[in-house]
Amino acid sequence: MRRTWAWVLAGVVVVAGGLIAWRALERRTENVVFRTEGAQRGDVRVQVSATGTLQAVTTVLVGSQISGTLQALYADFNDRVQRGQILAQLDPAFLKAQAAQNRAELVQADVAVNQAERDSARVWPLQEGQLVSPAEIDAARTALDRARAARAAAHAALERAETNLRYATIRSPIDGVVVSRDVDVGQTVAASLSAPTLYTIANDLTRMQLEVAVDEADIGMVATGQNATFTVDAYPEDSFRGRVHQIRLAPETVQNVVTYTVVILVENPDLKLLPGMTANVSILVKEARDVLKVPAAALRFRPPGAPRAGAAAPEIWVVAAGESRPRPVRVTVGLTDGTFTEVSGEGLGEGAQIALGLNGAGGGAATPQGAVNPFVPRRPR
């Protein structure tokens, strides 16, 4: 019996405490004006922001495989060129002389082979009658083999000289537009260690790619096929579209910041976008259409004295028409873009006034519970 009365007494104490707390909350909110905003229907988009550089999908550096002096240039900046079209000409005088010398050496090699064949033809019949020694037979065969090898070497040298002569005429390897010309007539190019670049040719500027550096914290949300929008400084009022084509696995680290390159394909039919432009990119990773959404600040607001809601059941405080005190509504949270958050809950609909903050009785801006606003004057103690 005593235990029963103890439980009854404990229940009364709990109920009384709740009523007291609720009355205290009522008194604290009687003179408070809440700053509210209506819940609305719309789209919530989660986007990854980054910056990148526009480039042609295919860019070829046209160089020279041989050294020489540039005799003529037949293409300039912004020229459209066709595959096989002559772009530049190196001075071929030395190369022609080299080819002529190798051609003469090949003729000499042919003469030596013919002489060795005649010598062998005279010696081999004498072998049956044992009129010559085996050493003389071996010498004749060796001389013939050596002459033939010398002729093959001379032929290879002539082919190399003629190839270098053809390389003196530099042709375009692809159809495209000359983006850059790095040499002038009379300049000497040296191809001893690496091929010097003469021209940079972009294959097709109507279809470009955007290489974007995405932070490692956001790369997990990016996937191929996602839509992207971007702007460039040249056209600040225009928005361009693209699609994620590739996520490169090679990381890049700059000042301890790890990023990954994401390639976005972009259509450029009017040629407004130029190679090298810097773009501010937003990649759409998730989207919820026509949902009920509230400002994200509403999920962080809690009236003074109100108990904290559990993490599994977030609350939004709704101010009904004609009421001065807000009431909590348990909601299910969906996507958020940092500004608005998708929510759903019983008794929550479009147009419901959601408390975002509060203003004091005097109209001054209030701060979250427990915080002190240094810009609000306080009475001296």
Protein backbone atom coordinates (compact mmCIF):
# COMPACT_ATOMS: atom_id res chain seq x y z
CA MET A 1 0.00 0.00 0.00
CA ARG A 2 2.80 2.35 0.90
CA ARG A 3 4.53 1.56 -2.38
CA THR A 4 1.36 2.44 -4.29
CA TRP A 5 1.08 5.78 -2.52
CA ALA A 6 4.75 6.41 -3.28
CA TRP A 7 4.18 5.88 -6.98
CA VAL A 8 1.11 8.13 -6.93
CA LEU A 9 3.05 10.84 -5.11
CA ALA A 10 5.91 10.59 -7.65
CA GLY A 11 3.43 10.93 -10.52
CA VAL A 12 1.90 14.00 -8.95
CA VAL A 13 5.34 15.54 -8.52
CA VAL A 14 6.22 14.89 -12.17
CA VAL A 15 2.95 16.36 -13.43
CA ALA A 16 3.30 19.36 -11.17
CA GLY A 17 6.86 19.90 -12.35
CA GLY A 18 5.75 19.77 -15.96
CA LEU A 19 2.98 22.28 -15.33
CA ILE A 20 5.36 24.57 -13.54
CA ALA A 21 7.88 24.34 -16.41
CA TRP A 22 5.15 24.96 -18.96
CA ARG A 23 3.85 27.97 -17.05
CA ALA A 24 7.40 29.28 -16.79
CA LEU A 25 7.77 28.87 -20.55
CA GLU A 26 4.45 30.67 -21.07
CA ARG A 27 5.56 33.57 -18.89
CA ARG A 28 8.91 33.79 -20.68
CA THR A 29 7.26 33.85 -24.11
CA GLU A 30 4.35 36.13 -23.37
CA ASN A 31 6.28 39.28 -24.29
CA VAL A 32 8.36 37.68 -27.05
CA VAL A 33 7.77 38.30 -30.75
CA PHE A 34 8.91 35.40 -32.90
CA ARG A 35 10.56 35.88 -36.25
CA THR A 36 8.81 33.46 -38.60
CA GLU A 37 8.76 32.35 -42.20
CA GLY A 38 6.14 30.28 -43.98
CA ALA A 39 6.77 26.71 -45.06
CA GLN A 40 6.69 26.41 -48.85
CA ARG A 41 6.68 23.85 -51.59
CA GLY A 42 9.51 23.72 -54.06
CA ASP A 43 12.65 21.91 -55.11
CA VAL A 44 15.65 21.14 -52.91
CA ARG A 45 18.93 20.56 -54.69
CA VAL A 46 22.19 19.30 -53.21
CA GLN A 47 25.10 20.60 -55.24
CA VAL A 48 28.88 20.37 -55.17
CA SER A 49 30.63 23.63 -56.00
CA ALA A 50 34.08 23.84 -57.54
CA THR A 51 36.14 25.74 -60.10
CA GLY A 52 37.72 24.50 -63.29
CA THR A 53 39.21 25.41 -66.66
CA LEU A 54 37.71 24.96 -70.11
CA GLN A 55 39.72 23.04 -72.68
CA ALA A 56 39.22 21.49 -76.07
CA VAL A 57 38.40 17.79 -75.96
CA THR A 58 41.36 17.02 -78.23
CA THR A 59 44.41 19.28 -78.31
CA VAL A 60 47.52 18.36 -80.32
CA LEU A 61 50.96 19.92 -79.93
CA VAL A 62 52.56 20.03 -83.37
CA GLY A 63 56.35 19.86 -83.19
CA SER A 64 59.39 19.16 -85.30
CA GLN A 65 61.25 15.85 -85.30
CA ILE A 66 64.34 17.39 -86.88
CA SER A 67 66.44 20.46 -86.25
CA GLY A 68 66.66 23.33 -88.67
CA THR A 69 65.75 26.91 -89.52
CA LEU A 70 62.15 27.82 -90.22
CA GLN A 71 61.92 28.95 -93.83
CA ALA A 72 58.18 29.64 -93.99
CA LEU A 73 55.00 29.48 -91.93
CA TYR A 74 51.66 28.79 -93.61
CA ALA A 75 49.26 28.97 -90.63
CA ASP A 76 48.59 31.58 -87.97
CA PHE A 77 46.45 32.04 -84.88
CA ASN A 78 42.77 31.06 -85.22
CA ASP A 79 43.28 29.56 -88.69
CA ARG A 80 41.22 26.49 -89.54
CA VAL A 81 43.40 23.72 -90.90
CA GLN A 82 42.78 20.32 -92.46
CA ARG A 83 44.60 17.09 -91.80
CA GLY A 84 47.69 16.92 -94.01
CA GLN A 85 47.75 20.67 -94.67
CA ILE A 86 51.25 22.23 -94.70
CA LEU A 87 51.82 24.36 -91.61
CA ALA A 88 55.53 25.19 -91.79
CA GLN A 89 58.65 24.52 -93.85
CA LEU A 90 62.18 24.04 -92.53
CA ASP A 91 65.15 24.95 -94.72
CA PRO A 92 65.74 21.70 -96.67
CA ALA A 93 69.13 22.55 -98.21
CA PHE A 94 71.23 20.48 -95.81
CA LEU A 95 68.74 17.63 -95.83
CA LYS A 96 68.71 17.51 -99.64
CA ALA A 97 72.50 17.40 -99.69
CA GLN A 98 72.50 14.60 -97.15
CA ALA A 99 69.98 12.63 -99.20
CA ALA A 100 72.11 13.12 -102.36
CA GLN A 101 75.20 11.89 -100.54
CA ASN A 102 73.41 8.79 -99.24
CA ARG A 103 72.07 8.11 -102.72
CA ALA A 104 75.62 8.19 -104.12
CA GLU A 105 76.82 5.88 -101.33
CA LEU A 106 74.07 3.45 -102.28
CA VAL A 107 75.31 3.48 -105.88
CA GLN A 108 78.83 2.72 -104.66
CA ALA A 109 77.48 -0.14 -102.56
CA ASP A 110 75.73 -1.55 -105.62
CA VAL A 111 79.01 -1.43 -107.57
CA ALA A 112 80.83 -3.21 -104.73
CA VAL A 113 78.18 -5.96 -104.66
CA ASN A 114 78.42 -6.44 -108.41
CA GLN A 115 82.22 -6.72 -108.19
CA ALA A 116 82.00 -9.23 -105.34
CA GLU A 117 79.47 -11.31 -107.27
CA ARG A 118 81.74 -11.43 -110.34
CA ASP A 119 84.73 -12.42 -108.22
CA SER A 120 82.73 -15.19 -106.59
CA ALA A 121 81.45 -16.37 -109.95
CA ARG A 122 85.04 -16.83 -111.18
CA VAL A 123 86.23 -18.62 -108.04
CA TRP A 124 83.41 -21.10 -107.43
CA PRO A 125 83.84 -23.16 -110.66
CA LEU A 126 87.49 -23.68 -109.81
CA GLN A 127 86.54 -25.38 -106.58
CA GLU A 128 85.52 -28.60 -108.32
CA GLY A 129 88.93 -29.02 -109.92
CA GLN A 130 90.62 -28.11 -106.68
CA LEU A 131 92.35 -25.23 -108.47
CA VAL A 132 91.71 -22.84 -105.59
CA SER A 133 92.14 -23.32 -101.88
CA PRO A 134 89.22 -23.37 -99.43
CA ALA A 135 90.59 -20.14 -97.92
CA GLU A 136 90.18 -18.35 -101.25
CA ILE A 137 86.60 -19.65 -101.57
CA ASP A 138 85.78 -18.40 -98.04
CA ALA A 139 87.36 -15.04 -98.78
CA ALA A 140 85.23 -14.61 -101.91
CA ARG A 141 82.05 -15.48 -100.03
CA THR A 142 82.96 -13.14 -97.18
CA ALA A 143 83.64 -10.29 -99.59
CA LEU A 144 80.25 -10.82 -101.23
CA ASP A 145 78.41 -10.91 -97.89
CA ARG A 146 80.21 -7.78 -96.73
CA ALA A 147 79.33 -5.93 -99.90
CA ARG A 148 75.68 -6.88 -99.60
CA ALA A 149 75.60 -5.73 -95.95
CA ALA A 150 77.19 -2.42 -96.93
CA ARG A 151 74.54 -1.96 -99.63
CA ALA A 152 71.74 -2.61 -97.09
CA ALA A 153 73.26 -0.04 -94.71
CA ALA A 154 73.53 2.50 -97.52
CA HIS A 155 69.90 1.89 -98.45
CA ALA A 156 68.79 2.43 -94.84
CA ALA A 157 70.80 5.64 -94.61
CA LEU A 158 69.15 6.91 -97.78
CA GLU A 159 65.68 6.11 -96.41
CA ARG A 160 66.52 7.99 -93.19
CA ALA A 161 67.74 11.01 -95.14
CA GLU A 162 64.63 11.05 -97.34
CA THR A 163 62.41 10.70 -94.26
CA ASN A 164 64.12 13.67 -92.60
CA LEU A 165 63.62 15.61 -95.81
CA ARG A 166 59.89 14.86 -95.67
CA TYR A 167 59.82 15.90 -92.01
CA ALA A 168 61.14 19.30 -93.06
CA THR A 169 57.63 19.94 -94.35
CA ILE A 170 55.43 20.07 -91.23
CA ARG A 171 51.78 19.13 -91.77
CA SER A 172 48.71 19.22 -89.57
CA PRO A 173 47.93 15.84 -87.96
CA ILE A 174 44.22 16.63 -87.42
CA ASP A 175 41.40 18.88 -88.55
CA GLY A 176 41.02 21.80 -86.20
CA VAL A 177 41.79 25.38 -85.25
CA VAL A 178 45.22 26.83 -84.53
CA VAL A 179 45.06 27.91 -80.90
CA SER A 180 48.69 28.92 -80.55
CA ARG A 181 51.74 29.59 -82.75
CA ASP A 182 55.01 29.50 -80.81
CA VAL A 183 57.62 30.21 -83.51
CA ASP A 184 58.47 32.76 -86.19
CA VAL A 185 60.17 32.64 -89.59
CA GLY A 186 63.94 32.47 -89.28
CA GLN A 187 63.87 30.86 -85.86
CA THR A 188 66.05 27.80 -85.36
CA VAL A 189 64.43 24.78 -83.79
CA ALA A 190 66.51 22.13 -82.06
CA ALA A 191 65.08 18.64 -81.73
CA SER A 192 68.06 17.00 -80.07
CA LEU A 193 66.36 16.10 -76.77
CA SER A 194 62.65 16.73 -77.34
CA ALA A 195 60.44 17.91 -80.14
CA PRO A 196 59.93 21.70 -79.93
CA THR A 197 56.31 22.84 -80.14
CA LEU A 198 55.46 24.92 -83.19
CA TYR A 199 51.66 24.98 -83.08
CA THR A 200 48.84 24.02 -80.72
CA ILE A 201 45.76 22.79 -82.59
CA ALA A 202 42.35 22.18 -81.04
CA ASN A 203 40.31 19.56 -82.84
CA ASP A 204 36.76 20.90 -82.38
CA LEU A 205 35.81 23.92 -80.26
CA THR A 206 32.08 23.23 -80.60
CA ARG A 207 32.51 20.42 -78.09
CA MET A 208 34.72 21.20 -75.11
CA GLN A 209 35.54 19.73 -71.73
CA LEU A 210 35.71 21.34 -68.31
CA GLU A 211 38.32 20.02 -65.89
CA VAL A 212 37.12 20.71 -62.36
CA ALA A 213 39.08 20.29 -59.12
CA VAL A 214 36.68 18.74 -56.56
CA ASP A 215 37.63 18.56 -52.89
CA GLU A 216 38.15 15.11 -51.41
CA ALA A 217 35.29 15.73 -48.95
CA ASP A 218 32.82 16.10 -51.84
CA ILE A 219 34.17 13.64 -54.42
CA GLY A 220 32.15 10.77 -52.91
CA MET A 221 28.90 12.46 -53.99
CA VAL A 222 29.98 12.98 -57.61
CA ALA A 223 29.19 10.32 -60.22
CA THR A 224 29.34 10.08 -64.00
CA GLY A 225 26.21 11.23 -65.79
CA GLN A 226 25.30 13.94 -63.28
CA ASN A 227 24.24 17.32 -64.63
CA ALA A 228 26.32 20.41 -64.03
CA THR A 229 25.85 24.13 -64.53
CA PHE A 230 28.55 26.77 -64.62
CA THR A 231 29.26 30.40 -65.33
CA VAL A 232 32.28 32.21 -66.72
CA ASP A 233 33.43 35.75 -66.09
CA ALA A 234 33.06 36.67 -69.75
CA TYR A 235 29.29 36.06 -69.62
CA PRO A 236 28.26 36.53 -65.97
CA GLU A 237 24.53 36.52 -66.77
CA ASP A 238 24.61 33.32 -68.83
CA SER A 239 24.44 29.82 -67.39
CA PHE A 240 25.98 26.94 -69.29
CA ARG A 241 25.26 23.25 -68.90
CA GLY A 242 27.33 20.09 -69.04
CA ARG A 243 27.44 16.48 -67.91
CA VAL A 244 30.01 14.64 -65.78
CA HIS A 245 32.00 12.40 -68.11
CA GLN A 246 34.92 11.15 -66.03
CA ILE A 247 36.28 11.13 -62.47
CA ARG A 248 40.04 10.77 -62.60
CA LEU A 249 41.62 8.63 -59.91
CA ALA A 250 44.88 10.58 -59.70
CA PRO A 251 44.79 12.94 -56.69
CA GLU A 252 46.38 16.38 -56.71
CA THR A 253 47.73 17.88 -53.50
CA VAL A 254 48.28 21.63 -53.22
CA GLN A 255 49.16 23.06 -49.81
CA ASN A 256 47.88 19.91 -48.08
CA VAL A 257 44.53 20.17 -49.88
CA VAL A 258 43.65 17.01 -51.85
CA THR A 259 41.44 17.37 -54.92
CA TYR A 260 40.36 15.10 -57.75
CA THR A 261 39.84 16.13 -61.36
CA VAL A 262 36.31 15.74 -62.69
CA VAL A 263 35.86 16.05 -66.47
CA ILE A 264 32.60 17.63 -67.65
CA LEU A 265 31.64 17.58 -71.33
CA VAL A 266 30.19 20.83 -72.63
CA GLU A 267 28.46 21.65 -75.91
CA ASN A 268 29.65 24.95 -77.42
CA PRO A 269 27.75 25.40 -80.70
CA ASP A 270 28.00 29.20 -80.79
CA LEU A 271 31.72 29.20 -79.83
CA LYS A 272 31.16 31.57 -76.90
CA LEU A 273 33.33 29.46 -74.63
CA LEU A 274 37.07 29.70 -75.27
CA PRO A 275 39.93 27.48 -74.10
CA GLY A 276 41.43 28.58 -70.81
CA MET A 277 38.32 30.25 -69.37
CA THR A 278 37.79 29.78 -65.64
CA ALA A 279 34.37 28.41 -64.71
CA ASN A 280 32.45 28.36 -61.43
CA VAL A 281 30.75 24.96 -61.45
CA SER A 282 27.83 23.46 -59.55
CA ILE A 283 27.33 19.70 -59.92
CA LEU A 284 23.83 18.49 -59.09
CA VAL A 285 24.26 15.36 -56.94
CA LYS A 286 20.74 15.00 -55.44
CA GLU A 287 17.38 16.61 -56.02
CA ALA A 288 13.91 16.51 -54.46
CA ARG A 289 11.14 18.08 -56.55
CA ASP A 290 7.97 19.72 -55.28
CA VAL A 291 8.49 18.96 -51.60
CA LEU A 292 7.62 20.86 -48.45
CA LYS A 293 10.65 22.80 -47.32
CA VAL A 294 11.50 25.14 -44.48
CA PRO A 295 14.54 27.30 -43.76
CA ALA A 296 17.38 25.25 -42.33
CA ALA A 297 17.62 27.69 -39.42
CA ALA A 298 14.24 26.42 -38.18
CA LEU A 299 15.78 23.09 -37.19
CA ARG A 300 18.38 24.87 -35.07
CA PHE A 301 15.98 27.17 -33.22
CA ARG A 302 14.54 26.31 -29.79
CA PRO A 303 12.45 28.69 -27.66
CA PRO A 304 13.92 29.63 -24.29
CA GLY A 305 13.19 27.01 -21.67
CA ALA A 306 11.97 24.41 -24.13
CA PRO A 307 13.35 20.88 -23.63
CA ARG A 308 15.71 19.56 -26.23
CA ALA A 309 14.30 17.05 -28.71
CA GLY A 310 16.02 13.75 -29.29
CA ALA A 311 18.25 13.34 -32.30
CA ALA A 312 15.92 10.72 -33.77
CA ALA A 313 12.89 13.01 -33.59
CA PRO A 314 13.72 16.62 -34.60
CA GLU A 315 11.13 19.32 -33.95
CA ILE A 316 10.06 22.45 -35.67
CA TRP A 317 8.33 25.19 -33.71
CA VAL A 318 5.16 26.42 -35.43
CA VAL A 319 3.42 29.69 -34.54
CA ALA A 320 -0.30 29.29 -35.27
CA ALA A 321 -2.50 32.23 -36.20
CA GLY A 322 -3.86 34.05 -33.17
CA GLU A 323 -1.45 32.35 -30.77
CA SER A 324 1.54 33.95 -29.10
CA ARG A 325 3.28 30.73 -28.13
CA PRO A 326 4.76 28.24 -30.63
CA ARG A 327 4.04 24.56 -30.50
CA PRO A 328 6.51 21.81 -31.44
CA VAL A 329 5.85 19.59 -34.42
CA ARG A 330 7.86 16.42 -34.89
CA VAL A 331 9.14 16.11 -38.44
CA THR A 332 11.10 13.81 -40.71
CA VAL A 333 14.03 15.56 -42.33
CA GLY A 334 15.03 14.95 -45.96
CA LEU A 335 17.46 16.71 -48.28
CA THR A 336 19.04 20.03 -47.39
CA ASP A 337 21.01 22.50 -49.45
CA GLY A 338 22.17 24.47 -46.46
CA THR A 339 19.47 27.11 -46.90
CA PHE A 340 16.29 25.04 -47.08
CA THR A 341 15.54 21.57 -45.74
CA GLU A 342 12.92 19.07 -46.91
CA VAL A 343 10.57 18.13 -44.07
CA SER A 344 7.36 16.17 -43.55
CA GLY A 345 5.23 15.77 -40.49
CA GLU A 346 1.66 15.50 -39.25
CA GLY A 347 0.01 18.88 -38.89
CA LEU A 348 2.64 20.66 -40.98
CA GLY A 349 1.58 22.10 -44.31
CA GLU A 350 2.35 24.76 -46.84
CA GLY A 351 2.12 28.27 -45.40
CA ALA A 352 2.63 27.21 -41.78
CA GLN A 353 4.58 29.90 -39.94
CA ILE A 354 7.85 28.44 -38.69
CA ALA A 355 9.76 30.15 -35.90
CA LEU A 356 13.32 31.01 -36.93
CA GLY A 357 14.29 33.22 -34.03
CA LEU A 358 12.80 35.70 -31.61
CA ASN A 359 12.77 39.38 -30.93
CA GLY A 360 12.61 40.84 -27.42
CA ALA A 361 9.72 42.89 -26.09
CA GLY A 362 11.53 46.05 -27.05
CA GLY A 363 11.98 44.89 -30.59
CA GLY A 364 15.71 44.23 -30.32
CA ALA A 365 17.19 41.20 -31.97
CA ALA A 366 17.48 38.19 -29.72
CA THR A 367 20.20 35.60 -29.63
CA PRO A 368 20.06 31.83 -29.12
CA GLN A 369 19.52 30.68 -25.57
CA GLY A 370 22.61 31.01 -23.43
CA ALA A 371 24.44 33.33 -25.84
CA VAL A 372 25.25 36.98 -25.25
CA ASN A 373 24.96 39.49 -28.09
CA PRO A 374 27.70 42.10 -27.60
CA PHE A 375 25.82 44.59 -29.80
CA VAL A 376 22.69 44.73 -27.58
CA PRO A 377 23.01 47.33 -24.76
CA ARG A 378 22.56 45.92 -21.27
CA ARG A 379 21.41 47.62 -18.08
CA PRO A 380 24.10 48.27 -15.48
CA ARG A 381 23.84 46.12 -12.40
